[in-house]
Every structure is written in C-alpha cells, then in structure tokens.
Amino acid sequence: MTTFAASATDSQTWVVTGVRNCDIYGCSQDAAIIADTCNYARFCLTHADEAIGIALRDPMFNGWYRITAGHYDDTRHCLIVTVHPL
C-alpha cells in the first residue's frame, strides 16, 4: 500500500488492491469504512456490525477509517481512496 498524508488535516490517500464494494459476499454497495489491516477489509453501512469481528480476529488491526472518496484505477489495477480515521 502507498499512503499519502495531506498536511493540516487527518485525511490520507491510500492505494490498495481490490474494489470499492463491501467485502460481504453478494453485497454490491460501496464500502463506507475500511480497516487498516493486511487485506484492507471494507464494509458498507448495512454490514458495519459484521466488521467488528475483524478487529477481534486480526492481530495487525490498526483501526477503522471512513472512506470519503475513491475510484478504481484501471491502468494500475488498484483502488485509490481518501480516508479519515474514526
């Protein structure tokens, strides 16, 4: 992952693998939160309750971030998101 921090704000830009959708199987909603873990688990608001288990199971969990903007880069095959810590 590549992280870019904006000065004078808590926003960060992350470049991660995967798509912007929620990680729950069959859900096609855009993710609203993303975990700072090795796989950057993402969840929509509907499935946010299921995200709690991620923090309990992953020893590398470093917190939740709110996704405020994002797009998929077809050229680089990555997701670029702007996040804010929760």
N, C-alpha and C. Protein backbone atom coordinates (compact mmCIF):
# COMPACT_ATOMS: atom_id res chain seq x y z
N MET A 1 0.84 -1.17 0.00
CA MET A 1 0.00 0.00 0.00
C MET A 1 0.88 1.23 0.00
N THR A 2 0.43 2.25 -0.67
CA THR A 2 1.08 3.55 -0.65
C THR A 2 0.16 4.51 0.08
N THR A 3 0.70 5.29 1.00
CA THR A 3 -0.09 6.26 1.75
C THR A 3 0.45 7.66 1.51
N PHE A 4 -0.45 8.59 1.24
CA PHE A 4 -0.09 9.99 1.11
C PHE A 4 -0.89 10.75 2.16
N ALA A 5 -0.24 11.48 3.03
CA ALA A 5 -0.94 12.26 4.06
C ALA A 5 -1.01 13.72 3.63
N ALA A 6 -2.18 14.29 3.78
CA ALA A 6 -2.37 15.71 3.45
C ALA A 6 -2.00 16.55 4.66
N SER A 7 -1.33 17.65 4.45
CA SER A 7 -0.93 18.49 5.57
C SER A 7 -2.12 19.22 6.17
N ALA A 8 -2.05 19.50 7.47
CA ALA A 8 -3.06 20.26 8.21
C ALA A 8 -4.44 19.59 8.21
N THR A 9 -4.50 18.30 8.02
CA THR A 9 -5.77 17.58 8.06
C THR A 9 -5.49 16.13 8.42
N ASP A 10 -6.53 15.40 8.78
CA ASP A 10 -6.34 13.99 9.10
C ASP A 10 -6.62 13.09 7.90
N SER A 11 -6.86 13.65 6.75
CA SER A 11 -7.15 12.82 5.58
C SER A 11 -5.88 12.19 5.04
N GLN A 12 -6.04 10.98 4.50
CA GLN A 12 -4.94 10.26 3.88
C GLN A 12 -5.44 9.67 2.57
N THR A 13 -4.55 9.48 1.62
CA THR A 13 -4.89 8.80 0.38
C THR A 13 -4.17 7.47 0.38
N TRP A 14 -4.95 6.39 0.23
CA TRP A 14 -4.39 5.04 0.20
C TRP A 14 -4.54 4.47 -1.19
N VAL A 15 -3.55 3.71 -1.61
CA VAL A 15 -3.60 2.96 -2.86
C VAL A 15 -3.56 1.49 -2.45
N VAL A 16 -4.68 0.77 -2.65
CA VAL A 16 -4.81 -0.61 -2.19
C VAL A 16 -5.34 -1.50 -3.31
N THR A 17 -5.22 -2.81 -3.12
CA THR A 17 -5.76 -3.75 -4.09
C THR A 17 -7.25 -3.93 -3.83
N GLY A 18 -7.95 -4.47 -4.80
CA GLY A 18 -9.37 -4.76 -4.64
C GLY A 18 -10.26 -3.70 -5.25
N VAL A 19 -11.53 -3.81 -4.94
CA VAL A 19 -12.55 -2.90 -5.48
C VAL A 19 -13.18 -2.11 -4.34
N ARG A 20 -14.05 -1.18 -4.69
CA ARG A 20 -14.65 -0.30 -3.68
C ARG A 20 -15.86 -0.92 -2.98
N ASN A 21 -16.35 -2.04 -3.44
CA ASN A 21 -17.54 -2.66 -2.86
C ASN A 21 -17.28 -3.23 -1.47
N CYS A 22 -18.35 -3.42 -0.74
CA CYS A 22 -18.35 -4.09 0.56
C CYS A 22 -17.79 -5.51 0.38
N ASP A 23 -17.07 -6.00 1.40
CA ASP A 23 -16.47 -7.34 1.34
C ASP A 23 -17.44 -8.47 1.66
N ILE A 24 -18.65 -8.18 2.09
CA ILE A 24 -19.62 -9.23 2.39
C ILE A 24 -20.09 -9.85 1.08
N TYR A 25 -20.03 -11.18 1.00
CA TYR A 25 -20.39 -11.90 -0.22
C TYR A 25 -21.79 -11.51 -0.69
N GLY A 26 -21.90 -11.15 -1.95
CA GLY A 26 -23.18 -10.80 -2.55
C GLY A 26 -23.58 -9.34 -2.40
N CYS A 27 -22.84 -8.58 -1.62
CA CYS A 27 -23.17 -7.16 -1.43
C CYS A 27 -22.46 -6.33 -2.50
N SER A 28 -23.22 -5.49 -3.17
CA SER A 28 -22.64 -4.65 -4.23
C SER A 28 -22.61 -3.17 -3.84
N GLN A 29 -22.90 -2.88 -2.58
CA GLN A 29 -22.88 -1.49 -2.13
C GLN A 29 -21.43 -0.99 -1.98
N ASP A 30 -21.25 0.31 -2.17
CA ASP A 30 -19.93 0.90 -1.94
C ASP A 30 -19.57 0.79 -0.47
N ALA A 31 -18.31 0.53 -0.20
CA ALA A 31 -17.83 0.47 1.18
C ALA A 31 -17.81 1.87 1.78
N ALA A 32 -18.15 1.97 3.05
CA ALA A 32 -18.13 3.25 3.77
C ALA A 32 -16.96 3.32 4.75
N ILE A 33 -16.50 2.13 5.19
CA ILE A 33 -15.36 2.07 6.11
C ILE A 33 -14.36 1.05 5.60
N ILE A 34 -13.10 1.26 5.97
CA ILE A 34 -12.02 0.35 5.57
C ILE A 34 -11.14 0.12 6.79
N ALA A 35 -10.71 -1.13 6.98
CA ALA A 35 -9.84 -1.47 8.11
C ALA A 35 -8.38 -1.33 7.72
N ASP A 36 -7.59 -0.83 8.64
CA ASP A 36 -6.14 -0.79 8.43
C ASP A 36 -5.60 -2.15 8.85
N THR A 37 -5.73 -3.12 7.95
CA THR A 37 -5.24 -4.49 8.14
C THR A 37 -4.49 -4.90 6.89
N CYS A 38 -3.94 -6.10 6.89
CA CYS A 38 -3.16 -6.55 5.74
C CYS A 38 -4.00 -6.65 4.47
N ASN A 39 -5.31 -6.92 4.58
CA ASN A 39 -6.14 -7.03 3.37
C ASN A 39 -7.11 -5.86 3.19
N TYR A 40 -7.05 -4.87 4.07
CA TYR A 40 -7.89 -3.67 3.96
C TYR A 40 -9.37 -4.02 3.76
N ALA A 41 -9.92 -4.76 4.72
CA ALA A 41 -11.32 -5.17 4.67
C ALA A 41 -12.22 -3.94 4.60
N ARG A 42 -13.25 -4.03 3.74
CA ARG A 42 -14.17 -2.90 3.52
C ARG A 42 -15.60 -3.33 3.78
N PHE A 43 -16.39 -2.41 4.34
CA PHE A 43 -17.78 -2.71 4.65
C PHE A 43 -18.66 -1.51 4.35
N CYS A 44 -19.88 -1.79 3.90
CA CYS A 44 -20.88 -0.74 3.69
C CYS A 44 -21.54 -0.46 5.04
N LEU A 45 -22.40 0.54 5.09
CA LEU A 45 -23.07 0.87 6.35
C LEU A 45 -24.01 -0.25 6.80
N THR A 46 -24.61 -0.95 5.86
CA THR A 46 -25.51 -2.05 6.21
C THR A 46 -24.78 -3.17 6.94
N HIS A 47 -23.54 -3.45 6.56
CA HIS A 47 -22.78 -4.56 7.13
C HIS A 47 -21.71 -4.12 8.13
N ALA A 48 -21.79 -2.89 8.61
CA ALA A 48 -20.77 -2.38 9.54
C ALA A 48 -20.72 -3.20 10.83
N ASP A 49 -21.85 -3.74 11.29
CA ASP A 49 -21.86 -4.55 12.51
C ASP A 49 -21.00 -5.80 12.34
N GLU A 50 -20.99 -6.38 11.15
CA GLU A 50 -20.19 -7.58 10.90
C GLU A 50 -18.70 -7.28 10.87
N ALA A 51 -18.35 -6.03 10.72
CA ALA A 51 -16.95 -5.63 10.66
C ALA A 51 -16.26 -5.71 12.02
N ILE A 52 -17.02 -5.72 13.10
CA ILE A 52 -16.45 -5.75 14.44
C ILE A 52 -15.53 -6.95 14.63
N GLY A 53 -15.90 -8.09 14.05
CA GLY A 53 -15.09 -9.30 14.17
C GLY A 53 -13.70 -9.16 13.59
N ILE A 54 -13.54 -8.30 12.61
CA ILE A 54 -12.23 -8.08 12.00
C ILE A 54 -11.23 -7.62 13.06
N ALA A 55 -11.62 -6.66 13.84
CA ALA A 55 -10.73 -6.12 14.87
C ALA A 55 -10.38 -7.18 15.91
N LEU A 56 -11.32 -8.05 16.21
CA LEU A 56 -11.08 -9.08 17.22
C LEU A 56 -10.19 -10.21 16.71
N ARG A 57 -10.25 -10.51 15.40
CA ARG A 57 -9.52 -11.64 14.84
C ARG A 57 -8.15 -11.28 14.26
N ASP A 58 -7.92 -10.05 13.93
CA ASP A 58 -6.69 -9.68 13.22
C ASP A 58 -5.71 -8.98 14.16
N PRO A 59 -4.59 -9.63 14.48
CA PRO A 59 -3.62 -9.00 15.38
C PRO A 59 -2.93 -7.78 14.77
N MET A 60 -3.02 -7.62 13.47
CA MET A 60 -2.40 -6.48 12.79
C MET A 60 -3.38 -5.32 12.59
N PHE A 61 -4.57 -5.41 13.20
CA PHE A 61 -5.58 -4.36 13.07
C PHE A 61 -5.08 -3.06 13.69
N ASN A 62 -5.11 -1.98 12.89
CA ASN A 62 -4.63 -0.68 13.36
C ASN A 62 -5.71 0.40 13.35
N GLY A 63 -6.97 0.01 13.23
CA GLY A 63 -8.05 0.98 13.29
C GLY A 63 -8.93 1.03 12.06
N TRP A 64 -10.06 1.73 12.22
CA TRP A 64 -11.03 1.91 11.14
C TRP A 64 -10.89 3.29 10.54
N TYR A 65 -11.16 3.37 9.25
CA TYR A 65 -11.11 4.63 8.53
C TYR A 65 -12.38 4.80 7.72
N ARG A 66 -12.89 6.03 7.69
CA ARG A 66 -14.07 6.37 6.88
C ARG A 66 -13.58 6.70 5.47
N ILE A 67 -14.23 6.11 4.48
CA ILE A 67 -13.90 6.39 3.08
C ILE A 67 -14.72 7.60 2.64
N THR A 68 -14.04 8.66 2.21
CA THR A 68 -14.74 9.86 1.78
C THR A 68 -14.72 10.04 0.28
N ALA A 69 -13.81 9.38 -0.40
CA ALA A 69 -13.75 9.44 -1.86
C ALA A 69 -12.94 8.25 -2.34
N GLY A 70 -13.16 7.87 -3.58
CA GLY A 70 -12.38 6.77 -4.12
C GLY A 70 -12.72 6.47 -5.56
N HIS A 71 -11.77 5.86 -6.23
CA HIS A 71 -12.01 5.40 -7.59
C HIS A 71 -11.06 4.26 -7.91
N TYR A 72 -11.48 3.43 -8.86
CA TYR A 72 -10.65 2.31 -9.30
C TYR A 72 -9.81 2.77 -10.48
N ASP A 73 -8.51 2.52 -10.40
CA ASP A 73 -7.58 2.88 -11.47
C ASP A 73 -7.39 1.66 -12.37
N ASP A 74 -8.04 1.66 -13.54
CA ASP A 74 -7.95 0.52 -14.46
C ASP A 74 -6.54 0.31 -14.99
N THR A 75 -5.79 1.36 -15.12
CA THR A 75 -4.43 1.25 -15.65
C THR A 75 -3.51 0.54 -14.66
N ARG A 76 -3.60 0.93 -13.40
CA ARG A 76 -2.73 0.34 -12.37
C ARG A 76 -3.39 -0.82 -11.63
N HIS A 77 -4.66 -1.10 -11.92
CA HIS A 77 -5.41 -2.19 -11.27
C HIS A 77 -5.38 -2.07 -9.75
N CYS A 78 -5.78 -0.89 -9.26
CA CYS A 78 -5.80 -0.66 -7.83
C CYS A 78 -6.92 0.32 -7.48
N LEU A 79 -7.24 0.36 -6.21
CA LEU A 79 -8.26 1.26 -5.69
C LEU A 79 -7.54 2.42 -4.99
N ILE A 80 -7.93 3.63 -5.32
CA ILE A 80 -7.35 4.82 -4.69
C ILE A 80 -8.46 5.46 -3.86
N VAL A 81 -8.26 5.52 -2.54
CA VAL A 81 -9.30 6.05 -1.65
C VAL A 81 -8.73 7.15 -0.75
N THR A 82 -9.59 8.11 -0.44
CA THR A 82 -9.27 9.12 0.57
C THR A 82 -9.98 8.68 1.84
N VAL A 83 -9.24 8.60 2.94
CA VAL A 83 -9.79 8.09 4.20
C VAL A 83 -9.51 9.06 5.35
N HIS A 84 -10.33 8.93 6.41
CA HIS A 84 -10.17 9.70 7.64
C HIS A 84 -10.29 8.71 8.80
N PRO A 85 -9.43 8.78 9.81
CA PRO A 85 -9.54 7.85 10.94
C PRO A 85 -10.84 8.06 11.70
N LEU A 86 -11.40 6.96 12.20
CA LEU A 86 -12.61 7.03 13.02
C LEU A 86 -12.23 7.02 14.48
